[in-house]
C-alpha atoms as a PDB file:
ATOM      1  CA  UNK A   1      53.459 123.306  55.407  1.00  0.00           C
ATOM      2  CA  UNK A   2      57.212 123.122  55.617  1.00  0.00           C
ATOM      3  CA  UNK A   3      59.127 124.493  58.599  1.00  0.00           C
ATOM      4  CA  UNK A   4      61.979 126.310  56.774  1.00  0.00           C
ATOM      5  CA  UNK A   5      64.012 126.689  59.926  1.00  0.00           C
ATOM      6  CA  UNK A   6      64.421 122.914  60.299  1.00  0.00           C
ATOM      7  CA  UNK A   7      64.014 121.832  56.707  1.00  0.00           C
ATOM      8  CA  UNK A   8      61.388 119.241  57.638  1.00  0.00           C
ATOM      9  CA  UNK A   9      57.736 118.909  58.556  1.00  0.00           C
ATOM     10  CA  UNK A  10      57.009 120.022  62.118  1.00  0.00           C
ATOM     11  CA  UNK A  11      56.464 117.208  64.608  1.00  0.00           C
ATOM     12  CA  UNK A  12      52.896 116.609  65.654  1.00  0.00           C
ATOM     13  CA  UNK A  13      51.948 117.001  69.341  1.00  0.00           C
ATOM     14  CA  UNK A  14      51.504 113.223  69.538  1.00  0.00           C
ATOM     15  CA  UNK A  15      55.007 112.627  68.196  1.00  0.00           C
ATOM     16  CA  UNK A  16      56.537 115.109  70.642  1.00  0.00           C
ATOM     17  CA  UNK A  17      54.759 113.475  73.566  1.00  0.00           C
ATOM     18  CA  UNK A  18      55.871 110.007  72.435  1.00  0.00           C
ATOM     19  CA  UNK A  19      59.481 111.163  72.146  1.00  0.00           C
ATOM     20  CA  UNK A  20      59.372 112.730  75.621  1.00  0.00           C
ATOM     21  CA  UNK A  21      58.032 109.504  77.099  1.00  0.00           C
ATOM     22  CA  UNK A  22      60.866 107.535  75.490  1.00  0.00           C
ATOM     23  CA  UNK A  23      63.479 109.891  76.930  1.00  0.00           C
ATOM     24  CA  UNK A  24      61.808 109.728  80.342  1.00  0.00           C
ATOM     25  CA  UNK A  25      61.803 105.919  80.224  1.00  0.00           C
ATOM     26  CA  UNK A  26      65.514 105.857  79.343  1.00  0.00           C
ATOM     27  CA  UNK A  27      66.343 108.299  82.162  1.00  0.00           C
ATOM     28  CA  UNK A  28      64.371 106.368  84.788  1.00  0.00           C
ATOM     29  CA  UNK A  29      65.867 103.045  83.666  1.00  0.00           C
ATOM     30  CA  UNK A  30      69.384 104.474  83.888  1.00  0.00           C
ATOM     31  CA  UNK A  31      68.791 105.838  87.374  1.00  0.00           C
ATOM     32  CA  UNK A  32      67.266 102.585  88.575  1.00  0.00           C
ATOM     33  CA  UNK A  33      70.222 100.607  87.192  1.00  0.00           C
ATOM     34  CA  UNK A  34      72.748 102.940  88.793  1.00  0.00           C
ATOM     35  CA  UNK A  35      70.935 102.885  92.110  1.00  0.00           C
ATOM     36  CA  UNK A  36      70.642  99.112  92.107  1.00  0.00           C
ATOM     37  CA  UNK A  37      74.249  98.411  91.096  1.00  0.00           C
ATOM     38  CA  UNK A  38      76.416  97.516  94.077  1.00  0.00           C
ATOM     39  CA  UNK A  39      79.871  99.027  94.429  1.00  0.00           C
ATOM     40  CA  UNK A  40      82.712  96.515  94.369  1.00  0.00           C
ATOM     41  CA  UNK A  41      84.039  95.516  97.788  1.00  0.00           C
ATOM     42  CA  UNK A  42      87.695  96.545  98.140  1.00  0.00           C
ATOM     43  CA  UNK A  43      90.498  96.157 100.671  1.00  0.00           C
ATOM     44  CA  UNK A  44      93.426  98.550 100.995  1.00  0.00           C
ATOM     45  CA  UNK A  45      96.856  97.253 102.018  1.00  0.00           C
ATOM     46  CA  UNK A  46      99.369  99.722 103.508  1.00  0.00           C
ATOM     47  CA  UNK A  47     102.948  98.360 103.634  1.00  0.00           C
ATOM     48  CA  UNK A  48     105.789 100.031 105.516  1.00  0.00           C
ATOM     49  CA  UNK A  49     108.507  99.270 102.919  1.00  0.00           C
ATOM     50  CA  UNK A  50     108.511  97.089  99.793  1.00  0.00           C
ATOM     51  CA  UNK A  51     112.280  96.542 100.201  1.00  0.00           C
ATOM     52  CA  UNK A  52     111.801  94.305 103.256  1.00  0.00           C
ATOM     53  CA  UNK A  53     112.149  90.673 102.095  1.00  0.00           C
ATOM     54  CA  UNK A  54     109.822  89.147 104.701  1.00  0.00           C
ATOM     55  CA  UNK A  55     107.132  91.785 104.210  1.00  0.00           C
ATOM     56  CA  UNK A  56     107.427  91.275 100.448  1.00  0.00           C
ATOM     57  CA  UNK A  57     106.560  87.613 100.969  1.00  0.00           C
ATOM     58  CA  UNK A  58     103.487  88.581 102.991  1.00  0.00           C
ATOM     59  CA  UNK A  59     102.192  91.127 100.477  1.00  0.00           C
ATOM     60  CA  UNK A  60     102.768  88.746  97.570  1.00  0.00           C
ATOM     61  CA  UNK A  61     100.620  86.120  99.278  1.00  0.00           C
ATOM     62  CA  UNK A  62      97.874  88.676  99.988  1.00  0.00           C
ATOM     63  CA  UNK A  63      97.923  89.692  96.321  1.00  0.00           C
ATOM     64  CA  UNK A  64      97.715  86.057  95.194  1.00  0.00           C
ATOM     65  CA  UNK A  65      94.796  85.339  97.536  1.00  0.00           C
ATOM     66  CA  UNK A  66      92.938  88.408  96.288  1.00  0.00           C
ATOM     67  CA  UNK A  67      93.000  87.087  92.719  1.00  0.00           C
ATOM     68  CA  UNK A  68      90.184  84.726  93.702  1.00  0.00           C
ATOM     69  CA  UNK A  69      88.617  86.871  96.410  1.00  0.00           C
ATOM     70  CA  UNK A  70      88.074  90.503  97.328  1.00  0.00           C
ATOM     71  CA  UNK A  71      90.483  92.686  95.308  1.00  0.00           C
ATOM     72  CA  UNK A  72      93.221  94.644  97.055  1.00  0.00           C
ATOM     73  CA  UNK A  73      95.179  97.808  96.378  1.00  0.00           C
ATOM     74  CA  UNK A  74      98.688  97.741  97.853  1.00  0.00           C
ATOM     75  CA  UNK A  75     100.687 100.884  98.716  1.00  0.00           C
ATOM     76  CA  UNK A  76     104.344 101.334  99.679  1.00  0.00           C
ATOM     77  CA  UNK A  77     105.058 103.908 102.404  1.00  0.00           C
ATOM     78  CA  UNK A  78     108.807 103.668 101.677  1.00  0.00           C
ATOM     79  CA  UNK A  79     109.519 103.811 105.397  1.00  0.00           C
ATOM     80  CA  UNK A  80     107.730 107.159 105.861  1.00  0.00           C
ATOM     81  CA  UNK A  81     104.882 107.318 108.403  1.00  0.00           C
ATOM     82  CA  UNK A  82     103.477 110.541 106.962  1.00  0.00           C
ATOM     83  CA  UNK A  83     103.236 108.922 103.523  1.00  0.00           C
ATOM     84  CA  UNK A  84     101.472 105.908 105.002  1.00  0.00           C
ATOM     85  CA  UNK A  85      99.001 108.140 106.836  1.00  0.00           C
ATOM     86  CA  UNK A  86      98.139 109.829 103.526  1.00  0.00           C
ATOM     87  CA  UNK A  87      97.680 106.445 101.813  1.00  0.00           C
ATOM     88  CA  UNK A  88      95.310 105.288 104.544  1.00  0.00           C
ATOM     89  CA  UNK A  89      93.339 108.539 104.341  1.00  0.00           C
ATOM     90  CA  UNK A  90      93.039 107.953 100.591  1.00  0.00           C
ATOM     91  CA  UNK A  91      91.658 104.453 101.177  1.00  0.00           C
ATOM     92  CA  UNK A  92      89.083 105.930 103.569  1.00  0.00           C
ATOM     93  CA  UNK A  93      88.112 108.757 101.199  1.00  0.00           C
ATOM     94  CA  UNK A  94      87.626 106.313  98.320  1.00  0.00           C
ATOM     95  CA  UNK A  95      85.312 104.120 100.351  1.00  0.00           C
ATOM     96  CA  UNK A  96      87.444 101.026 100.863  1.00  0.00           C
ATOM     97  CA  UNK A  97      85.692  98.450 103.042  1.00  0.00           C
ATOM     98  CA  UNK A  98      88.662  97.345 105.177  1.00  0.00           C
ATOM     99  CA  UNK A  99      92.369  98.133 105.471  1.00  0.00           C
ATOM    100  CA  UNK A 100      95.337  95.857 106.226  1.00  0.00           C
ATOM    101  CA  UNK A 101      98.242  97.779 107.760  1.00  0.00           C
ATOM    102  CA  UNK A 102     101.919  97.040 108.302  1.00  0.00           C
ATOM    103  CA  UNK A 103     102.796 100.212 110.208  1.00  0.00           C
ATOM    104  CA  UNK A 104     105.929 102.225 109.607  1.00  0.00           C
ATOM    105  CA  UNK A 105     105.928 103.218 113.282  1.00  0.00           C
ATOM    106  CA  UNK A 106     103.914 100.995 115.620  1.00  0.00           C
ATOM    107  CA  UNK A 107     103.524 103.903 118.063  1.00  0.00           C
ATOM    108  CA  UNK A 108     101.609 105.804 115.354  1.00  0.00           C
ATOM    109  CA  UNK A 109      98.974 103.068 115.144  1.00  0.00           C
ATOM    110  CA  UNK A 110      96.690 104.958 117.529  1.00  0.00           C
ATOM    111  CA  UNK A 111      96.300 107.777 114.999  1.00  0.00           C
ATOM    112  CA  UNK A 112      95.480 105.273 112.247  1.00  0.00           C
ATOM    113  CA  UNK A 113      92.934 103.494 114.444  1.00  0.00           C
ATOM    114  CA  UNK A 114      91.211 106.759 115.310  1.00  0.00           C
ATOM    115  CA  UNK A 115      90.995 107.825 111.643  1.00  0.00           C
ATOM    116  CA  UNK A 116      89.407 104.506 110.701  1.00  0.00           C
ATOM    117  CA  UNK A 117      87.118 104.433 113.723  1.00  0.00           C
ATOM    118  CA  UNK A 118      85.618 107.815 112.787  1.00  0.00           C
ATOM    119  CA  UNK A 119      84.935 106.545 109.259  1.00  0.00           C
ATOM    120  CA  UNK A 120      83.932 103.017 110.388  1.00  0.00           C
ATOM    121  CA  UNK A 121      86.570 101.314 108.221  1.00  0.00           C
ATOM    122  CA  UNK A 122      87.803  98.098 109.936  1.00  0.00           C
ATOM    123  CA  UNK A 123      91.532  97.502 110.407  1.00  0.00           C
ATOM    124  CA  UNK A 124      93.847  94.507 110.470  1.00  0.00           C
ATOM    125  CA  UNK A 125      97.446  95.147 111.528  1.00  0.00           C
ATOM    126  CA  UNK A 126     100.200  92.626 110.907  1.00  0.00           C
ATOM    127  CA  UNK A 127     103.865  92.164 111.869  1.00  0.00           C
ATOM    128  CA  UNK A 128     104.123  95.490 113.723  1.00  0.00           C
ATOM    129  CA  UNK A 129     101.916  95.167 116.768  1.00  0.00           C
ATOM    130  CA  UNK A 130     100.158  98.300 118.030  1.00  0.00           C
ATOM    131  CA  UNK A 131     100.378  98.924 121.757  1.00  0.00           C
ATOM    132  CA  UNK A 132      97.607  97.226 123.711  1.00  0.00           C
ATOM    133  CA  UNK A 133      95.981 100.519 124.722  1.00  0.00           C
ATOM    134  CA  UNK A 134      95.544 101.476 121.063  1.00  0.00           C
ATOM    135  CA  UNK A 135      94.142  98.045 120.164  1.00  0.00           C
ATOM    136  CA  UNK A 136      91.534  98.493 122.898  1.00  0.00           C
ATOM    137  CA  UNK A 137      90.203 101.748 121.412  1.00  0.00           C
ATOM    138  CA  UNK A 138      87.853 100.060 118.973  1.00  0.00           C
ATOM    139  CA  UNK A 139      86.244  96.679 118.431  1.00  0.00           C
ATOM    140  CA  UNK A 140      86.959  96.604 114.677  1.00  0.00           C
ATOM    141  CA  UNK A 141      90.754  96.390 114.901  1.00  0.00           C
ATOM    142  CA  UNK A 142      92.727  93.119 114.847  1.00  0.00           C
ATOM    143  CA  UNK A 143      96.355  91.990 114.819  1.00  0.00           C
ATOM    144  CA  UNK A 144      98.143  89.075 113.129  1.00  0.00           C
ATOM    145  CA  UNK A 145     101.725  88.221 113.996  1.00  0.00           C
ATOM    146  CA  UNK A 146     104.089  85.872 115.815  1.00  0.00           C
ATOM    147  CA  UNK A 147     105.434  85.843 119.342  1.00  0.00           C
ATOM    148  CA  UNK A 148     108.787  87.588 118.971  1.00  0.00           C
ATOM    149  CA  UNK A 149     110.172  86.027 122.146  1.00  0.00           C
ATOM    150  CA  UNK A 150     109.862  82.571 120.574  1.00  0.00           C
ATOM    151  CA  UNK A 151     112.080  83.674 117.684  1.00  0.00           C
ATOM    152  CA  UNK A 152     114.782  84.781 120.126  1.00  0.00           C
ATOM    153  CA  UNK A 153     114.544  81.520 122.039  1.00  0.00           C
ATOM    154  CA  UNK A 154     114.782  79.318 118.935  1.00  0.00           C
ATOM    155  CA  UNK A 155     117.686  81.344 117.512  1.00  0.00           C
ATOM    156  CA  UNK A 156     119.556  80.916 120.785  1.00  0.00           C
ATOM    157  CA  UNK A 157     118.905  77.166 120.792  1.00  0.00           C
ATOM    158  CA  UNK A 158     120.498  76.910 117.335  1.00  0.00           C
ATOM    159  CA  UNK A 159     123.614  78.773 118.425  1.00  0.00           C
ATOM    160  CA  UNK A 160     123.835  76.987 121.789  1.00  0.00           C
ATOM    161  CA  UNK A 161     123.824  73.571 120.144  1.00  0.00           C
ATOM    162  CA  UNK A 162     126.574  74.631 117.748  1.00  0.00           C
ATOM    163  CA  UNK A 163     128.703  76.163 120.508  1.00  0.00           C
ATOM    164  CA  UNK A 164     128.418  73.151 122.789  1.00  0.00           C
ATOM    165  CA  UNK A 165     129.131  70.623 120.027  1.00  0.00           C
ATOM    166  CA  UNK A 166     132.029  72.509 118.369  1.00  0.00           C
ATOM    167  CA  UNK A 167     134.854  73.232 120.830  1.00  0.00           C
ATOM    168  CA  UNK A 168     136.764  74.999 118.047  1.00  0.00           C
ATOM    169  CA  UNK A 169     134.050  77.694 118.040  1.00  0.00           C
ATOM    170  CA  UNK A 170     135.705  79.066 121.205  1.00  0.00           C
ATOM    171  CA  UNK A 171     138.509  80.658 119.231  1.00  0.00           C
ATOM    172  CA  UNK A 172     140.432  82.072 122.197  1.00  0.00           C
ATOM    173  CA  UNK A 173     139.755  79.104 124.467  1.00  0.00           C
ATOM    174  CA  UNK A 174     138.440  81.176 127.369  1.00  0.00           C
ATOM    175  CA  UNK A 175     135.142  79.279 127.667  1.00  0.00           C
ATOM    176  CA  UNK A 176     133.157  82.469 127.032  1.00  0.00           C
ATOM    177  CA  UNK A 177     131.037  83.078 123.942  1.00  0.00           C
ATOM    178  CA  UNK A 178     132.004  86.473 122.553  1.00  0.00           C
ATOM    179  CA  UNK A 179     129.198  87.576 120.239  1.00  0.00           C
ATOM    180  CA  UNK A 180     127.666  90.547 118.447  1.00  0.00           C
ATOM    181  CA  UNK A 181     124.051  91.432 117.722  1.00  0.00           C
ATOM    182  CA  UNK A 182     122.705  93.272 114.680  1.00  0.00           C
ATOM    183  CA  UNK A 183     119.356  94.570 115.857  1.00  0.00           C
ATOM    184  CA  UNK A 184     116.321  95.553 113.854  1.00  0.00           C
ATOM    185  CA  UNK A 185     114.542  98.861 114.025  1.00  0.00           C
ATOM    186  CA  UNK A 186     114.756 100.544 117.422  1.00  0.00           C
ATOM    187  CA  UNK A 187     111.452 100.327 119.283  1.00  0.00           C
ATOM    188  CA  UNK A 188     110.031  97.499 117.176  1.00  0.00           C
ATOM    189  CA  UNK A 189     108.672  94.750 119.434  1.00  0.00           C
ATOM    190  CA  UNK A 190     110.479  92.081 117.391  1.00  0.00           C
ATOM    191  CA  UNK A 191     113.806  93.863 117.858  1.00  0.00           C
ATOM    192  CA  UNK A 192     113.542  94.122 121.603  1.00  0.00           C
ATOM    193  CA  UNK A 193     112.011  90.711 122.349  1.00  0.00           C
ATOM    194  CA  UNK A 194     114.127  88.690 119.900  1.00  0.00           C
ATOM    195  CA  UNK A 195     117.263  90.208 121.415  1.00  0.00           C
ATOM    196  CA  UNK A 196     116.184  89.849 125.039  1.00  0.00           C
ATOM    197  CA  UNK A 197     115.120  86.216 124.775  1.00  0.00           C
ATOM    198  CA  UNK A 198     118.139  85.278 122.679  1.00  0.00           C
ATOM    199  CA  UNK A 199     120.461  86.355 125.473  1.00  0.00           C
ATOM    200  CA  UNK A 200     118.299  84.904 128.267  1.00  0.00           C
ATOM    201  CA  UNK A 201     118.125  81.508 126.548  1.00  0.00           C
ATOM    202  CA  UNK A 202     121.899  81.285 126.071  1.00  0.00           C
ATOM    203  CA  UNK A 203     122.424  82.116 129.736  1.00  0.00           C
ATOM    204  CA  UNK A 204     119.822  79.524 130.715  1.00  0.00           C
ATOM    205  CA  UNK A 205     121.822  76.959 128.714  1.00  0.00           C
ATOM    206  CA  UNK A 206     124.767  77.641 131.013  1.00  0.00           C
ATOM    207  CA  UNK A 207     126.906  79.406 128.396  1.00  0.00           C
ATOM    208  CA  UNK A 208     129.048  82.286 129.729  1.00  0.00           C
ATOM    209  CA  UNK A 209     128.548  85.310 127.487  1.00  0.00           C
ATOM    210  CA  UNK A 210     130.309  88.486 126.502  1.00  0.00           C
ATOM    211  CA  UNK A 211     128.429  90.800 124.177  1.00  0.00           C
ATOM    212  CA  UNK A 212     131.098  92.709 122.288  1.00  0.00           C
ATOM    213  CA  UNK A 213     128.854  94.973 120.224  1.00  0.00           C
ATOM    214  CA  UNK A 214     125.221  95.711 119.441  1.00  0.00           C
ATOM    215  CA  UNK A 215     123.867  98.076 116.793  1.00  0.00           C
ATOM    216  CA  UNK A 216     120.800  98.555 114.593  1.00  0.00           C
ATOM    217  CA  UNK A 217     120.808  97.431 110.972  1.00  0.00           C
ATOM    218  CA  UNK A 218     117.221  98.708 110.508  1.00  0.00           C
ATOM    219  CA  UNK A 219     116.102  95.338 109.020  1.00  0.00           C
ATOM    220  CA  UNK A 220     118.093  96.031 105.817  1.00  0.00           C
ATOM    221  CA  UNK A 221     120.806  93.947 104.156  1.00  0.00           C
ATOM    222  CA  UNK A 222     123.046  96.896 103.288  1.00  0.00           C
ATOM    223  CA  UNK A 223     122.807  98.239 106.828  1.00  0.00           C
ATOM    224  CA  UNK A 224     123.634  94.789 108.196  1.00  0.00           C
ATOM    225  CA  UNK A 225     126.727  94.773 105.992  1.00  0.00           C
ATOM    226  CA  UNK A 226     127.814  98.207 107.268  1.00  0.00           C
ATOM    227  CA  UNK A 227     127.238  97.289 110.908  1.00  0.00           C
ATOM    228  CA  UNK A 228     129.165  94.016 110.577  1.00  0.00           C
ATOM    229  CA  UNK A 229     132.096  95.762 108.897  1.00  0.00           C
ATOM    230  CA  UNK A 230     132.218  98.169 111.808  1.00  0.00           C
ATOM    231  CA  UNK A 231     132.181  95.294 114.310  1.00  0.00           C
ATOM    232  CA  UNK A 232     134.997  93.535 112.445  1.00  0.00           C
ATOM    233  CA  UNK A 233     137.078  96.693 112.244  1.00  0.00           C
ATOM    234  CA  UNK A 234     136.699  97.173 115.992  1.00  0.00           C
ATOM    235  CA  UNK A 235     137.005  93.620 117.281  1.00  0.00           C
ATOM    236  CA  UNK A 236     138.104  91.385 114.404  1.00  0.00           C
ATOM    237  CA  UNK A 237     139.170  87.923 115.601  1.00  0.00           C
ATOM    238  CA  UNK A 238     137.503  88.354 118.995  1.00  0.00           C
ATOM    239  CA  UNK A 239     134.039  87.808 117.480  1.00  0.00           C
ATOM    240  CA  UNK A 240     132.872  84.202 117.781  1.00  0.00           C
ATOM    241  CA  UNK A 241     129.214  84.422 116.719  1.00  0.00           C
ATOM    242  CA  UNK A 242     126.658  86.765 115.139  1.00  0.00           C
ATOM    243  CA  UNK A 243     122.929  87.050 115.820  1.00  0.00           C
ATOM    244  CA  UNK A 244     120.934  89.213 113.412  1.00  0.00           C
ATOM    245  CA  UNK A 245     117.304  90.030 114.150  1.00  0.00           C
ATOM    246  CA  UNK A 246     116.311  89.111 110.568  1.00  0.00           C
ATOM    247  CA  UNK A 247     117.712  87.261 107.564  1.00  0.00           C
ATOM    248  CA  UNK A 248     118.310  90.363 105.460  1.00  0.00           C
ATOM    249  CA  UNK A 249     120.746  91.757 108.030  1.00  0.00           C
ATOM    250  CA  UNK A 250     122.278  88.298 108.533  1.00  0.00           C
ATOM    251  CA  UNK A 251     122.986  88.097 104.805  1.00  0.00           C
ATOM    252  CA  UNK A 252     124.555  91.544 104.890  1.00  0.00           C
ATOM    253  CA  UNK A 253     126.759  90.398 107.776  1.00  0.00           C
ATOM    254  CA  UNK A 254     127.811  87.328 105.797  1.00  0.00           C
ATOM    255  CA  UNK A 255     128.904  89.527 102.895  1.00  0.00           C
ATOM    256  CA  UNK A 256     131.072  91.552 105.267  1.00  0.00           C
ATOM    257  CA  UNK A 257     132.504  88.384 106.831  1.00  0.00           C
ATOM    258  CA  UNK A 258     133.436  87.070 103.392  1.00  0.00           C
ATOM    259  CA  UNK A 259     135.575  90.141 102.880  1.00  0.00           C
ATOM    260  CA  UNK A 260     137.449  89.168 106.043  1.00  0.00           C
ATOM    261  CA  UNK A 261     138.149  85.657 104.739  1.00  0.00           C
ATOM    262  CA  UNK A 262     135.284  83.746 106.307  1.00  0.00           C
ATOM    263  CA  UNK A 263     133.386  80.950 104.539  1.00  0.00           C
ATOM    264  CA  UNK A 264     136.464  79.900 102.618  1.00  0.00           C
ATOM    265  CA  UNK A 265     139.440  77.646 103.389  1.00  0.00           C
ATOM    266  CA  UNK A 266     137.627  76.265 106.434  1.00  0.00           C
ATOM    267  CA  UNK A 267     137.130  79.634 108.135  1.00  0.00           C
ATOM    268  CA  UNK A 268     133.588  79.710 109.548  1.00  0.00           C
ATOM    269  CA  UNK A 269     131.556  82.165 111.590  1.00  0.00           C
ATOM    270  CA  UNK A 270     128.212  81.021 113.046  1.00  0.00           C
ATOM    271  CA  UNK A 271     125.562  83.490 111.931  1.00  0.00           C
ATOM    272  CA  UNK A 272     121.920  83.066 112.964  1.00  0.00           C
ATOM    273  CA  UNK A 273     119.000  85.028 111.507  1.00  0.00           C
ATOM    274  CA  UNK A 274     115.223  85.150 111.697  1.00  0.00           C
ATOM    275  CA  UNK A 275     112.425  84.900 109.102  1.00  0.00           C
ATOM    276  CA  UNK A 276     113.378  81.985 106.877  1.00  0.00           C
ATOM    277  CA  UNK A 277     113.092  84.086 103.727  1.00  0.00           C
ATOM    278  CA  UNK A 278     113.907  82.489 100.341  1.00  0.00           C
ATOM    279  CA  UNK A 279     117.259  84.267 100.427  1.00  0.00           C
ATOM    280  CA  UNK A 280     117.902  83.005 103.953  1.00  0.00           C
ATOM    281  CA  UNK A 281     116.991  79.453 102.988  1.00  0.00           C
ATOM    282  CA  UNK A 282     119.439  79.624 100.090  1.00  0.00           C
ATOM    283  CA  UNK A 283     122.184  80.750 102.488  1.00  0.00           C
ATOM    284  CA  UNK A 284     121.370  77.713 104.643  1.00  0.00           C
ATOM    285  CA  UNK A 285     121.884  75.476 101.615  1.00  0.00           C
ATOM    286  CA  UNK A 286     125.145  77.275 100.787  1.00  0.00           C
ATOM    287  CA  UNK A 287     126.406  76.679 104.303  1.00  0.00           C
ATOM    288  CA  UNK A 288     126.992  80.342 105.088  1.00  0.00           C
ATOM    289  CA  UNK A 289     124.005  80.809 107.419  1.00  0.00           C
ATOM    290  CA  UNK A 290     124.126  78.509 110.449  1.00  0.00           C
ATOM    291  CA  UNK A 291     120.390  78.686 111.061  1.00  0.00           C
ATOM    292  CA  UNK A 292     117.267  80.815 110.941  1.00  0.00           C
ATOM    293  CA  UNK A 293     113.841  80.917 112.556  1.00  0.00           C
ATOM    294  CA  UNK A 294     110.992  80.514 110.106  1.00  0.00           C
ATOM    295  CA  UNK A 295     108.499  83.360 110.350  1.00  0.00           C
ATOM    296  CA  UNK A 296     105.458  82.005 108.509  1.00  0.00           C
ATOM    297  CA  UNK A 297     104.715  84.663 105.879  1.00  0.00           C
ATOM    298  CA  UNK A 298     102.055  82.595 104.109  1.00  0.00           C
ATOM    299  CA  UNK A 299      99.877  81.967 107.133  1.00  0.00           C
ATOM    300  CA  UNK A 300     100.282  85.492 108.488  1.00  0.00           C
ATOM    301  CA  UNK A 301      99.159  86.836 105.116  1.00  0.00           C
ATOM    302  CA  UNK A 302      96.260  84.404 104.834  1.00  0.00           C
ATOM    303  CA  UNK A 303      95.013  85.098 108.370  1.00  0.00           C
ATOM    304  CA  UNK A 304      95.189  88.887 107.874  1.00  0.00           C
ATOM    305  CA  UNK A 305      93.431  88.688 104.496  1.00  0.00           C
ATOM    306  CA  UNK A 306      90.708  86.339 105.795  1.00  0.00           C
ATOM    307  CA  UNK A 307      89.944  88.657 108.718  1.00  0.00           C
ATOM    308  CA  UNK A 308      89.857  91.701 106.424  1.00  0.00           C
ATOM    309  CA  UNK A 309      87.475  89.961 104.005  1.00  0.00           C
ATOM    310  CA  UNK A 310      85.022  89.118 106.779  1.00  0.00           C
ATOM    311  CA  UNK A 311      85.190  92.654 108.177  1.00  0.00           C
ATOM    312  CA  UNK A 312      84.756  94.159 104.704  1.00  0.00           C
ATOM    313  CA  UNK A 313      81.461  92.309 104.381  1.00  0.00           C
ATOM    314  CA  UNK A 314      80.270  93.404 107.843  1.00  0.00           C
ATOM    315  CA  UNK A 315      80.966  90.039 109.450  1.00  0.00           C
ATOM    316  CA  UNK A 316      82.479  89.175 112.817  1.00  0.00           C
ATOM    317  CA  UNK A 317      85.725  87.190 112.553  1.00  0.00           C
ATOM    318  CA  UNK A 318      86.118  84.117 114.715  1.00  0.00           C
ATOM    319  CA  UNK A 319      88.345  81.037 114.717  1.00  0.00           C
ATOM    320  CA  UNK A 320      86.021  78.968 112.541  1.00  0.00           C
ATOM    321  CA  UNK A 321      85.434  81.669 109.925  1.00  0.00           C
ATOM    322  CA  UNK A 322      89.083  82.688 109.436  1.00  0.00           C
ATOM    323  CA  UNK A 323      90.632  79.221 109.780  1.00  0.00           C
ATOM    324  CA  UNK A 324      93.043  80.208 112.577  1.00  0.00           C
ATOM    325  CA  UNK A 325      92.778  80.180 116.340  1.00  0.00           C
ATOM    326  CA  UNK A 326      91.961  83.625 117.684  1.00  0.00           C
ATOM    327  CA  UNK A 327      93.072  85.012 121.028  1.00  0.00           C
ATOM    328  CA  UNK A 328      90.469  87.720 121.317  1.00  0.00           C
ATOM    329  CA  UNK A 329      91.478  90.254 118.654  1.00  0.00           C
ATOM    330  CA  UNK A 330      94.835  88.560 118.046  1.00  0.00           C
ATOM    331  CA  UNK A 331      96.032  85.721 115.805  1.00  0.00           C
ATOM    332  CA  UNK A 332      99.445  84.259 116.640  1.00  0.00           C
ATOM    333  CA  UNK A 333     101.259  82.240 113.963  1.00  0.00           C
ATOM    334  CA  UNK A 334     104.015  80.044 115.466  1.00  0.00           C
ATOM    335  CA  UNK A 335     107.693  80.182 114.487  1.00  0.00           C
ATOM    336  CA  UNK A 336     109.718  77.084 113.690  1.00  0.00           C
ATOM    337  CA  UNK A 337     113.376  76.239 113.493  1.00  0.00           C
ATOM    338  CA  UNK A 338     115.287  75.979 110.211  1.00  0.00           C
ATOM    339  CA  UNK A 339     118.848  74.681 110.074  1.00  0.00           C
END
């Protein structure tokens, strides 16, 4: 008998049962496969601003390391703390296993730590050190950076040696070093400590000082240029040396100095920076930058990534497992002089 509604012979009860069993087998197999498949381990990386040359070096190294390790997703906060908070919340919501953070505002780190603590997502901060009280809130938060005071000390040593060995550097012959400082972001530990120890070291070397001007260039080359132009317009020939808290601002200052006739026809201004970025190293070769303090981007990146990988896999970082000496929850990468 033909089933006219389907245009074929009706299926027998045995055939229907067999077909149902096949579908059931496929369904169970699919569910078992899905349940047994492990989700990929992932690390989120929250960067304060992609325009920062030193931070760009660090994130590039992290990205390179991840090509043969745990994959990373890198986000740019563009200097906005609210944007960075949203990016970190997104990492948490999507189930990332650890987060590396370069904070926009180090004083906001406590909020970030609390968000991650509630969701049990481990954190590794770098470059912008959270306050100690915030670091103590949770055992799964670490910091990788360099001692900022050492950078100030080394920068001062570079300038002191130049000043003492070049009598012509004292342009007005008064025996006093008249200098200006282009500072980084206000409140950043590197800004305050690099500046403080720079001045203290010069005084310890027995060099009489007169600070003519000090202003923030916010770590940026264009801001460093603007600040230096302002200093030159106000004090001109009185300025005998420049200390910038990073290479980007130092390079901006050099551009402004060039417009005033420096670095040509024998006119020289000693400018010292910090970070030892590729651009800063090129300026050393060109003879426009007197010296810089190498801030080891590669090893900071590698230490932060190694810690994050261990945390992402529920491990406990220690000196042997990450390849760097740990001071409790801190890893300190030393600076070195470049001239």
